[in-house]
N, C-alpha and C. Protein backbone atom coordinates (compact mmCIF):
# COMPACT_ATOMS: atom_id res chain seq x y z
N MET A 1 75.15 -57.38 -66.55
CA MET A 1 73.71 -57.25 -66.60
C MET A 1 73.34 -56.02 -67.43
N LEU A 2 72.34 -56.16 -68.24
CA LEU A 2 71.82 -55.01 -68.99
C LEU A 2 71.21 -54.00 -68.03
N ASP A 3 71.37 -52.74 -68.34
CA ASP A 3 70.73 -51.72 -67.50
C ASP A 3 69.68 -50.96 -68.29
N VAL A 4 69.14 -51.60 -69.32
CA VAL A 4 68.06 -51.02 -70.11
C VAL A 4 66.92 -52.04 -70.21
N PHE A 5 65.72 -51.52 -70.41
CA PHE A 5 64.55 -52.37 -70.54
C PHE A 5 64.40 -52.79 -72.00
N ILE A 6 64.37 -54.11 -72.24
CA ILE A 6 64.19 -54.62 -73.59
C ILE A 6 63.14 -55.72 -73.58
N GLY A 7 62.57 -56.00 -74.74
CA GLY A 7 61.66 -57.12 -74.90
C GLY A 7 60.21 -56.75 -74.65
N GLN A 8 59.35 -57.74 -74.92
CA GLN A 8 57.91 -57.61 -74.67
C GLN A 8 57.47 -58.79 -73.81
N HIS A 9 56.61 -58.50 -72.87
CA HIS A 9 56.13 -59.52 -71.93
C HIS A 9 54.65 -59.26 -71.67
N GLU A 10 53.91 -60.32 -71.41
CA GLU A 10 52.51 -60.16 -71.04
C GLU A 10 52.26 -60.84 -69.70
N ASN A 11 51.49 -60.17 -68.85
CA ASN A 11 51.05 -60.71 -67.57
C ASN A 11 49.60 -60.34 -67.37
N LYS A 12 48.95 -61.09 -66.51
CA LYS A 12 47.52 -60.87 -66.25
C LYS A 12 47.36 -60.09 -64.95
N ILE A 13 46.43 -59.13 -64.96
CA ILE A 13 46.09 -58.40 -63.75
C ILE A 13 45.05 -59.24 -63.01
N ASP A 14 45.20 -59.39 -61.70
CA ASP A 14 44.27 -60.25 -60.97
C ASP A 14 43.10 -59.45 -60.40
N GLY A 15 42.21 -60.14 -59.70
CA GLY A 15 41.01 -59.52 -59.15
C GLY A 15 41.27 -58.46 -58.10
N LYS A 16 42.47 -58.45 -57.52
CA LYS A 16 42.83 -57.44 -56.52
C LYS A 16 43.69 -56.35 -57.14
N ALA A 17 43.72 -56.28 -58.46
CA ALA A 17 44.48 -55.29 -59.23
C ALA A 17 45.99 -55.46 -59.09
N ARG A 18 46.42 -56.65 -58.72
CA ARG A 18 47.85 -56.92 -58.62
C ARG A 18 48.39 -57.33 -59.99
N LEU A 19 49.59 -56.86 -60.26
CA LEU A 19 50.21 -57.10 -61.55
C LEU A 19 51.68 -57.44 -61.32
N SER A 20 52.10 -58.57 -61.85
CA SER A 20 53.49 -58.98 -61.72
C SER A 20 54.34 -58.27 -62.77
N ILE A 21 55.42 -57.66 -62.32
CA ILE A 21 56.37 -56.99 -63.21
C ILE A 21 57.31 -58.08 -63.75
N PRO A 22 57.59 -58.10 -65.05
CA PRO A 22 58.49 -59.12 -65.59
C PRO A 22 59.82 -59.17 -64.84
N SER A 23 60.33 -60.38 -64.61
CA SER A 23 61.54 -60.54 -63.80
C SER A 23 62.72 -59.76 -64.36
N GLN A 24 62.88 -59.72 -65.68
CA GLN A 24 63.98 -58.96 -66.27
C GLN A 24 63.85 -57.48 -65.93
N PHE A 25 62.64 -56.96 -65.92
CA PHE A 25 62.41 -55.56 -65.59
C PHE A 25 62.65 -55.32 -64.10
N ARG A 26 62.28 -56.27 -63.26
CA ARG A 26 62.49 -56.12 -61.81
C ARG A 26 63.96 -55.94 -61.48
N LYS A 27 64.83 -56.68 -62.15
CA LYS A 27 66.27 -56.57 -61.89
C LYS A 27 66.77 -55.16 -62.19
N ILE A 28 66.27 -54.58 -63.26
CA ILE A 28 66.69 -53.22 -63.62
C ILE A 28 66.11 -52.21 -62.63
N ILE A 29 64.87 -52.41 -62.22
CA ILE A 29 64.25 -51.54 -61.21
C ILE A 29 65.06 -51.59 -59.92
N GLU A 30 65.44 -52.79 -59.49
CA GLU A 30 66.23 -52.94 -58.27
C GLU A 30 67.57 -52.22 -58.38
N SER A 31 68.28 -52.43 -59.49
CA SER A 31 69.60 -51.79 -59.63
C SER A 31 69.48 -50.29 -59.83
N GLY A 32 68.33 -49.82 -60.33
CA GLY A 32 68.11 -48.39 -60.55
C GLY A 32 67.61 -47.64 -59.33
N ASP A 33 67.37 -48.37 -58.22
CA ASP A 33 66.97 -47.73 -56.96
C ASP A 33 68.20 -47.66 -56.07
N THR A 34 69.12 -46.79 -56.45
CA THR A 34 70.45 -46.75 -55.84
C THR A 34 70.47 -46.28 -54.40
N ASP A 35 69.46 -45.55 -53.95
CA ASP A 35 69.44 -45.06 -52.57
C ASP A 35 68.70 -46.00 -51.63
N ARG A 36 68.29 -47.15 -52.13
CA ARG A 36 67.51 -48.10 -51.34
C ARG A 36 68.37 -48.70 -50.23
N GLU A 37 67.78 -48.78 -49.05
CA GLU A 37 68.48 -49.38 -47.93
C GLU A 37 68.46 -50.89 -48.08
N ALA A 38 69.51 -51.53 -47.58
CA ALA A 38 69.60 -52.99 -47.66
C ALA A 38 68.37 -53.62 -47.02
N GLY A 39 67.79 -54.58 -47.71
CA GLY A 39 66.63 -55.29 -47.18
C GLY A 39 65.30 -54.64 -47.49
N SER A 40 65.31 -53.42 -48.00
CA SER A 40 64.04 -52.75 -48.32
C SER A 40 63.61 -53.11 -49.73
N LEU A 41 62.36 -52.91 -50.01
CA LEU A 41 61.79 -53.24 -51.31
C LEU A 41 62.09 -52.13 -52.32
N PRO A 42 62.34 -52.50 -53.59
CA PRO A 42 62.70 -51.49 -54.59
C PRO A 42 61.51 -50.66 -55.05
N ASN A 43 61.81 -49.42 -55.39
CA ASN A 43 60.83 -48.46 -55.88
C ASN A 43 61.11 -48.11 -57.34
N PHE A 44 60.08 -47.63 -58.00
CA PHE A 44 60.19 -47.05 -59.32
C PHE A 44 59.06 -46.05 -59.47
N VAL A 45 59.08 -45.28 -60.54
CA VAL A 45 58.05 -44.27 -60.78
C VAL A 45 57.21 -44.72 -61.96
N LEU A 46 55.89 -44.66 -61.78
CA LEU A 46 54.95 -44.97 -62.85
C LEU A 46 54.32 -43.66 -63.30
N ILE A 47 54.51 -43.32 -64.57
CA ILE A 47 53.98 -42.08 -65.12
C ILE A 47 52.73 -42.41 -65.93
N PHE A 48 51.64 -41.73 -65.59
CA PHE A 48 50.36 -41.97 -66.26
C PHE A 48 50.28 -41.25 -67.59
N GLY A 49 51.01 -40.17 -67.74
CA GLY A 49 50.99 -39.41 -69.00
C GLY A 49 49.68 -38.69 -69.20
N ASP A 50 49.61 -37.96 -70.29
CA ASP A 50 48.40 -37.20 -70.59
C ASP A 50 47.63 -37.90 -71.70
N GLU A 51 46.70 -37.18 -72.31
CA GLU A 51 45.82 -37.78 -73.32
C GLU A 51 46.56 -38.20 -74.60
N ARG A 52 47.80 -37.77 -74.76
CA ARG A 52 48.55 -38.12 -75.97
C ARG A 52 49.11 -39.55 -75.93
N THR A 53 49.13 -40.16 -74.75
CA THR A 53 49.68 -41.51 -74.65
C THR A 53 48.59 -42.51 -74.31
N ASP A 54 48.73 -43.71 -74.85
CA ASP A 54 47.79 -44.79 -74.54
C ASP A 54 48.48 -45.86 -73.69
N TYR A 55 49.50 -45.46 -72.98
CA TYR A 55 50.26 -46.37 -72.13
C TYR A 55 50.72 -45.65 -70.87
N LEU A 56 51.17 -46.42 -69.89
CA LEU A 56 51.83 -45.90 -68.71
C LEU A 56 53.32 -46.13 -68.91
N GLU A 57 54.14 -45.32 -68.28
CA GLU A 57 55.59 -45.46 -68.45
C GLU A 57 56.25 -45.65 -67.10
N GLY A 58 57.10 -46.67 -66.99
CA GLY A 58 57.84 -46.94 -65.76
C GLY A 58 59.28 -46.49 -65.89
N LEU A 59 59.75 -45.80 -64.86
CA LEU A 59 61.13 -45.31 -64.83
C LEU A 59 61.80 -45.76 -63.54
N THR A 60 63.07 -46.12 -63.63
CA THR A 60 63.82 -46.39 -62.40
C THR A 60 63.97 -45.07 -61.64
N ILE A 61 64.28 -45.17 -60.37
CA ILE A 61 64.53 -43.97 -59.56
C ILE A 61 65.71 -43.20 -60.14
N LYS A 62 66.74 -43.91 -60.55
CA LYS A 62 67.92 -43.26 -61.14
C LYS A 62 67.53 -42.46 -62.38
N GLN A 63 66.76 -43.05 -63.28
CA GLN A 63 66.35 -42.36 -64.51
C GLN A 63 65.41 -41.20 -64.20
N TYR A 64 64.50 -41.39 -63.26
CA TYR A 64 63.58 -40.32 -62.88
C TYR A 64 64.35 -39.12 -62.34
N ASN A 65 65.33 -39.38 -61.48
CA ASN A 65 66.15 -38.29 -60.94
C ASN A 65 66.95 -37.59 -62.04
N LYS A 66 67.43 -38.35 -63.02
CA LYS A 66 68.15 -37.76 -64.15
C LYS A 66 67.24 -36.82 -64.94
N MET A 67 66.00 -37.25 -65.18
CA MET A 67 65.05 -36.41 -65.90
C MET A 67 64.71 -35.15 -65.08
N THR A 68 64.60 -35.31 -63.79
CA THR A 68 64.31 -34.16 -62.92
C THR A 68 65.44 -33.14 -62.99
N ARG A 69 66.69 -33.63 -62.99
CA ARG A 69 67.84 -32.70 -63.10
C ARG A 69 67.79 -31.94 -64.42
N LYS A 70 67.46 -32.63 -65.52
CA LYS A 70 67.36 -31.97 -66.82
C LYS A 70 66.23 -30.93 -66.81
N LEU A 71 65.14 -31.28 -66.20
CA LEU A 71 63.99 -30.37 -66.13
C LEU A 71 64.35 -29.09 -65.38
N ARG A 72 65.08 -29.23 -64.29
CA ARG A 72 65.46 -28.07 -63.48
C ARG A 72 66.36 -27.09 -64.22
N LYS A 73 67.02 -27.56 -65.27
CA LYS A 73 67.89 -26.68 -66.07
C LYS A 73 67.10 -25.84 -67.06
N MET A 74 65.84 -26.20 -67.28
CA MET A 74 65.01 -25.44 -68.23
C MET A 74 64.50 -24.16 -67.56
N ASP A 75 64.27 -23.14 -68.37
CA ASP A 75 63.72 -21.88 -67.90
C ASP A 75 62.34 -22.12 -67.29
N LYS A 76 62.09 -21.55 -66.11
CA LYS A 76 60.81 -21.75 -65.42
C LYS A 76 59.62 -21.24 -66.22
N GLY A 77 59.83 -20.29 -67.09
CA GLY A 77 58.74 -19.74 -67.90
C GLY A 77 58.49 -20.50 -69.19
N ASP A 78 59.33 -21.49 -69.48
CA ASP A 78 59.19 -22.27 -70.71
C ASP A 78 57.95 -23.16 -70.62
N PRO A 79 57.01 -23.03 -71.54
CA PRO A 79 55.80 -23.86 -71.49
C PRO A 79 56.11 -25.36 -71.58
N ARG A 80 57.22 -25.72 -72.22
CA ARG A 80 57.60 -27.14 -72.27
C ARG A 80 57.97 -27.64 -70.88
N ARG A 81 58.64 -26.78 -70.08
CA ARG A 81 58.97 -27.17 -68.71
C ARG A 81 57.69 -27.36 -67.92
N GLN A 82 56.74 -26.45 -68.09
CA GLN A 82 55.49 -26.56 -67.35
C GLN A 82 54.74 -27.84 -67.71
N GLN A 83 54.75 -28.21 -68.99
CA GLN A 83 54.11 -29.45 -69.42
C GLN A 83 54.83 -30.67 -68.83
N MET A 84 56.15 -30.63 -68.84
CA MET A 84 56.92 -31.75 -68.27
C MET A 84 56.75 -31.84 -66.77
N GLU A 85 56.63 -30.70 -66.08
CA GLU A 85 56.38 -30.74 -64.64
C GLU A 85 55.06 -31.42 -64.35
N LEU A 86 54.05 -31.12 -65.14
CA LEU A 86 52.75 -31.77 -64.98
C LEU A 86 52.90 -33.28 -65.15
N ILE A 87 53.56 -33.69 -66.20
CA ILE A 87 53.69 -35.13 -66.47
C ILE A 87 54.57 -35.82 -65.43
N LEU A 88 55.73 -35.24 -65.11
CA LEU A 88 56.66 -35.90 -64.19
C LEU A 88 56.24 -35.85 -62.73
N TYR A 89 55.50 -34.83 -62.35
CA TYR A 89 55.19 -34.68 -60.93
C TYR A 89 53.72 -34.92 -60.59
N SER A 90 52.81 -34.41 -61.39
CA SER A 90 51.39 -34.55 -61.07
C SER A 90 50.80 -35.84 -61.62
N LEU A 91 51.25 -36.25 -62.78
CA LEU A 91 50.69 -37.44 -63.42
C LEU A 91 51.61 -38.64 -63.23
N ALA A 92 52.15 -38.79 -62.03
CA ALA A 92 53.09 -39.87 -61.72
C ALA A 92 52.85 -40.36 -60.29
N GLN A 93 53.33 -41.56 -60.03
CA GLN A 93 53.18 -42.13 -58.69
C GLN A 93 54.38 -43.02 -58.39
N LEU A 94 54.89 -42.90 -57.16
CA LEU A 94 55.96 -43.77 -56.69
C LEU A 94 55.37 -45.15 -56.40
N MET A 95 55.98 -46.18 -56.95
CA MET A 95 55.51 -47.55 -56.78
C MET A 95 56.58 -48.37 -56.07
N THR A 96 56.13 -49.35 -55.30
CA THR A 96 57.04 -50.26 -54.61
C THR A 96 56.70 -51.68 -55.01
N LEU A 97 57.71 -52.42 -55.43
CA LEU A 97 57.50 -53.83 -55.73
C LEU A 97 57.31 -54.59 -54.42
N ASP A 98 56.38 -55.54 -54.38
CA ASP A 98 56.25 -56.36 -53.18
C ASP A 98 57.29 -57.48 -53.23
N GLU A 99 57.27 -58.35 -52.24
CA GLU A 99 58.27 -59.41 -52.13
C GLU A 99 58.26 -60.36 -53.33
N THR A 100 57.13 -60.44 -54.03
CA THR A 100 57.03 -61.36 -55.17
C THR A 100 57.18 -60.64 -56.51
N GLY A 101 57.50 -59.34 -56.48
CA GLY A 101 57.71 -58.59 -57.72
C GLY A 101 56.43 -58.04 -58.34
N ARG A 102 55.40 -57.88 -57.50
CA ARG A 102 54.13 -57.35 -58.01
C ARG A 102 53.91 -55.94 -57.50
N ILE A 103 53.01 -55.26 -58.18
CA ILE A 103 52.49 -53.97 -57.72
C ILE A 103 50.97 -54.07 -57.72
N VAL A 104 50.35 -53.19 -56.99
CA VAL A 104 48.90 -53.00 -57.11
C VAL A 104 48.73 -51.84 -58.07
N MET A 105 48.10 -52.12 -59.21
CA MET A 105 47.92 -51.09 -60.23
C MET A 105 47.02 -50.00 -59.66
N PRO A 106 47.49 -48.75 -59.64
CA PRO A 106 46.69 -47.66 -59.09
C PRO A 106 45.39 -47.45 -59.89
N PRO A 107 44.34 -46.98 -59.22
CA PRO A 107 43.07 -46.73 -59.92
C PRO A 107 43.24 -45.84 -61.15
N LYS A 108 44.10 -44.82 -61.06
CA LYS A 108 44.31 -43.91 -62.19
C LYS A 108 44.88 -44.68 -63.40
N GLY A 109 45.78 -45.60 -63.15
CA GLY A 109 46.36 -46.40 -64.23
C GLY A 109 45.34 -47.39 -64.80
N ARG A 110 44.55 -48.02 -63.92
CA ARG A 110 43.53 -48.95 -64.40
C ARG A 110 42.51 -48.22 -65.25
N ALA A 111 42.13 -47.02 -64.83
CA ALA A 111 41.14 -46.25 -65.59
C ALA A 111 41.71 -45.84 -66.95
N LYS A 112 42.94 -45.35 -66.97
CA LYS A 112 43.52 -44.91 -68.24
C LYS A 112 43.60 -46.05 -69.24
N LEU A 113 43.96 -47.24 -68.78
CA LEU A 113 44.12 -48.39 -69.67
C LEU A 113 42.85 -49.22 -69.80
N ALA A 114 41.79 -48.82 -69.09
CA ALA A 114 40.52 -49.57 -69.10
C ALA A 114 40.75 -51.03 -68.71
N LEU A 115 41.49 -51.23 -67.63
CA LEU A 115 41.83 -52.58 -67.18
C LEU A 115 40.78 -53.12 -66.22
N ASN A 116 40.45 -54.38 -66.42
CA ASN A 116 39.57 -55.11 -65.52
C ASN A 116 40.31 -56.35 -65.04
N ALA A 117 39.76 -57.01 -64.03
CA ALA A 117 40.36 -58.24 -63.52
C ALA A 117 40.52 -59.24 -64.67
N ASN A 118 41.64 -59.92 -64.66
CA ASN A 118 41.98 -60.97 -65.63
C ASN A 118 42.32 -60.46 -67.03
N ASP A 119 42.42 -59.15 -67.22
CA ASP A 119 42.90 -58.62 -68.49
C ASP A 119 44.40 -58.88 -68.61
N MET A 120 44.84 -59.06 -69.83
CA MET A 120 46.27 -59.20 -70.08
C MET A 120 46.87 -57.82 -70.28
N VAL A 121 48.06 -57.66 -69.71
CA VAL A 121 48.78 -56.39 -69.77
C VAL A 121 50.11 -56.64 -70.48
N GLU A 122 50.47 -55.75 -71.39
CA GLU A 122 51.71 -55.88 -72.15
C GLU A 122 52.75 -54.91 -71.61
N PHE A 123 53.93 -55.43 -71.34
CA PHE A 123 55.08 -54.63 -70.95
C PHE A 123 56.02 -54.59 -72.15
N THR A 124 56.47 -53.40 -72.51
CA THR A 124 57.37 -53.25 -73.64
C THR A 124 58.59 -52.45 -73.20
N GLY A 125 59.76 -53.01 -73.43
CA GLY A 125 60.99 -52.30 -73.11
C GLY A 125 61.18 -51.11 -74.03
N ALA A 126 61.63 -50.00 -73.46
CA ALA A 126 61.88 -48.79 -74.24
C ALA A 126 63.21 -48.16 -73.84
N GLY A 127 64.19 -49.02 -73.54
CA GLY A 127 65.51 -48.52 -73.17
C GLY A 127 65.55 -48.03 -71.74
N ASP A 128 65.51 -46.71 -71.55
CA ASP A 128 65.58 -46.13 -70.22
C ASP A 128 64.28 -46.26 -69.44
N SER A 129 63.23 -46.73 -70.09
CA SER A 129 61.93 -46.88 -69.43
C SER A 129 61.24 -48.11 -70.01
N PHE A 130 60.08 -48.41 -69.45
CA PHE A 130 59.25 -49.45 -70.03
C PHE A 130 57.82 -48.95 -70.10
N ARG A 131 57.07 -49.51 -71.01
CA ARG A 131 55.69 -49.09 -71.22
C ARG A 131 54.74 -50.21 -70.82
N VAL A 132 53.60 -49.80 -70.30
CA VAL A 132 52.57 -50.73 -69.85
C VAL A 132 51.28 -50.34 -70.54
N LYS A 133 50.65 -51.31 -71.20
CA LYS A 133 49.36 -51.04 -71.84
C LYS A 133 48.54 -52.31 -71.84
N LYS A 134 47.26 -52.15 -72.06
CA LYS A 134 46.38 -53.30 -72.16
C LYS A 134 46.76 -54.07 -73.42
N ALA A 135 46.92 -55.38 -73.27
CA ALA A 135 47.29 -56.20 -74.41
C ALA A 135 46.11 -56.29 -75.37
N ALA A 136 46.42 -56.26 -76.64
CA ALA A 136 45.38 -56.36 -77.66
C ALA A 136 44.83 -57.79 -77.67
N GLY A 137 43.53 -57.90 -77.83
CA GLY A 137 42.91 -59.21 -77.97
C GLY A 137 43.20 -59.78 -79.34
N GLU A 138 42.89 -61.05 -79.54
CA GLU A 138 43.19 -61.70 -80.81
C GLU A 138 42.49 -61.00 -81.98
N ALA A 139 41.24 -60.62 -81.81
CA ALA A 139 40.52 -59.94 -82.89
C ALA A 139 41.17 -58.59 -83.20
N GLU A 140 41.61 -57.88 -82.15
CA GLU A 140 42.27 -56.59 -82.36
C GLU A 140 43.60 -56.77 -83.06
N ARG A 141 44.34 -57.84 -82.72
CA ARG A 141 45.64 -58.09 -83.36
C ARG A 141 45.46 -58.33 -84.85
N GLN A 142 44.45 -59.11 -85.21
CA GLN A 142 44.23 -59.41 -86.62
C GLN A 142 43.78 -58.17 -87.39
N ALA A 143 43.06 -57.27 -86.71
CA ALA A 143 42.57 -56.06 -87.37
C ALA A 143 43.65 -55.00 -87.50
N GLU A 144 44.70 -55.09 -86.68
CA GLU A 144 45.75 -54.09 -86.73
C GLU A 144 46.49 -54.17 -88.06
N ARG A 145 46.76 -53.01 -88.61
CA ARG A 145 47.54 -52.94 -89.85
C ARG A 145 48.77 -52.12 -89.56
N PRO A 146 49.87 -52.48 -90.15
CA PRO A 146 51.08 -51.69 -89.91
C PRO A 146 50.86 -50.24 -90.32
N ALA A 147 51.25 -49.34 -89.44
CA ALA A 147 51.14 -47.91 -89.75
C ALA A 147 52.19 -47.53 -90.78
N ALA A 148 51.86 -46.56 -91.58
CA ALA A 148 52.84 -46.06 -92.54
C ALA A 148 54.00 -45.46 -91.77
N LYS A 149 55.20 -45.80 -92.18
CA LYS A 149 56.38 -45.30 -91.49
C LYS A 149 56.75 -43.93 -92.05
N PRO A 150 57.02 -42.98 -91.16
CA PRO A 150 57.42 -41.67 -91.66
C PRO A 150 58.81 -41.75 -92.29
N ASP A 151 59.07 -40.89 -93.25
CA ASP A 151 60.38 -40.84 -93.88
C ASP A 151 61.33 -40.14 -92.92
N ILE A 152 62.26 -40.90 -92.36
CA ILE A 152 63.19 -40.33 -91.39
C ILE A 152 64.62 -40.29 -91.92
N GLY A 153 64.78 -40.50 -93.22
CA GLY A 153 66.09 -40.33 -93.83
C GLY A 153 66.95 -41.57 -93.89
N TYR A 154 66.46 -42.72 -93.47
CA TYR A 154 67.24 -43.94 -93.60
C TYR A 154 67.11 -44.46 -95.03
N HIS A 155 68.21 -44.90 -95.57
CA HIS A 155 68.18 -45.53 -96.88
C HIS A 155 67.44 -46.87 -96.73
N PRO A 156 66.50 -47.18 -97.61
CA PRO A 156 65.69 -48.39 -97.44
C PRO A 156 66.48 -49.69 -97.46
N ASP A 157 67.68 -49.70 -98.04
CA ASP A 157 68.48 -50.92 -98.10
C ASP A 157 69.55 -50.98 -97.02
N THR A 158 69.52 -50.04 -96.09
CA THR A 158 70.53 -49.99 -95.03
C THR A 158 69.89 -50.35 -93.70
N ASN A 159 70.56 -51.18 -92.95
CA ASN A 159 70.11 -51.54 -91.62
C ASN A 159 70.20 -50.29 -90.73
N PRO A 160 69.12 -49.88 -90.06
CA PRO A 160 69.18 -48.68 -89.21
C PRO A 160 70.28 -48.75 -88.14
N MET A 161 70.67 -49.95 -87.73
CA MET A 161 71.73 -50.09 -86.72
C MET A 161 73.06 -49.55 -87.25
N ASP A 162 73.20 -49.49 -88.57
CA ASP A 162 74.44 -48.98 -89.15
C ASP A 162 74.59 -47.47 -88.97
N TYR A 163 73.55 -46.80 -88.57
CA TYR A 163 73.61 -45.35 -88.41
C TYR A 163 74.17 -44.91 -87.06
N PHE A 164 74.39 -45.86 -86.16
CA PHE A 164 75.03 -45.49 -84.89
C PHE A 164 76.41 -44.96 -85.20
N SER A 165 76.77 -43.85 -84.59
CA SER A 165 78.09 -43.28 -84.85
C SER A 165 78.77 -42.97 -83.53
N GLY A 166 79.98 -42.50 -83.63
CA GLY A 166 80.73 -42.13 -82.44
C GLY A 166 81.67 -43.23 -82.04
N ASP A 167 82.36 -43.00 -80.91
CA ASP A 167 83.30 -44.00 -80.45
C ASP A 167 82.59 -45.05 -79.61
N ASP A 168 83.35 -46.02 -79.16
CA ASP A 168 82.78 -47.12 -78.40
C ASP A 168 82.86 -46.91 -76.90
N GLU A 169 83.27 -45.73 -76.46
CA GLU A 169 83.35 -45.48 -75.02
C GLU A 169 81.97 -45.30 -74.44
N ASP A 170 81.78 -45.81 -73.24
CA ASP A 170 80.49 -45.67 -72.55
C ASP A 170 80.31 -44.24 -72.08
N ASP A 171 79.08 -43.77 -72.19
CA ASP A 171 78.73 -42.46 -71.64
C ASP A 171 78.20 -42.70 -70.23
N GLU A 172 78.99 -42.40 -69.24
CA GLU A 172 78.57 -42.59 -67.84
C GLU A 172 77.85 -41.35 -67.35
N ASP A 173 76.91 -41.54 -66.47
CA ASP A 173 76.14 -40.43 -65.89
C ASP A 173 76.99 -39.58 -65.00
């Protein structure tokens, strides 16, 4: 089984603010809640982020704990640590999947994404996390233009996947 979030999925938020998490994502959430007692419902962390993001970010408990450990290694006076503490602790909420794989979208998340009943929500895999945002309507999709890509040093005729380096051994936590 993959232990990373991949793909794009759309689901509709209902009148009670319930939102179904894609089944592929639920499996990763379940396996990433390693301290969960048998028979209990899986948890994950939903990060609302600050004004720089137009999405919410979901992290497994395992990944959230890994980020917390990294944060604790930073100097307490480092302004980057203070910003990350705000995002990871104040602008986040522990979520529990119900028996059918749904969550009730918190008011803070609905407000940030301007979600109303029956709006479509897009889930996008981002490896160690997934992103949640309001799905673009058809008119918005047609109006969207590809953003200019920054020059990041890839040769234009080379597949970016060719830049992976190192050995083939897994990096275990």
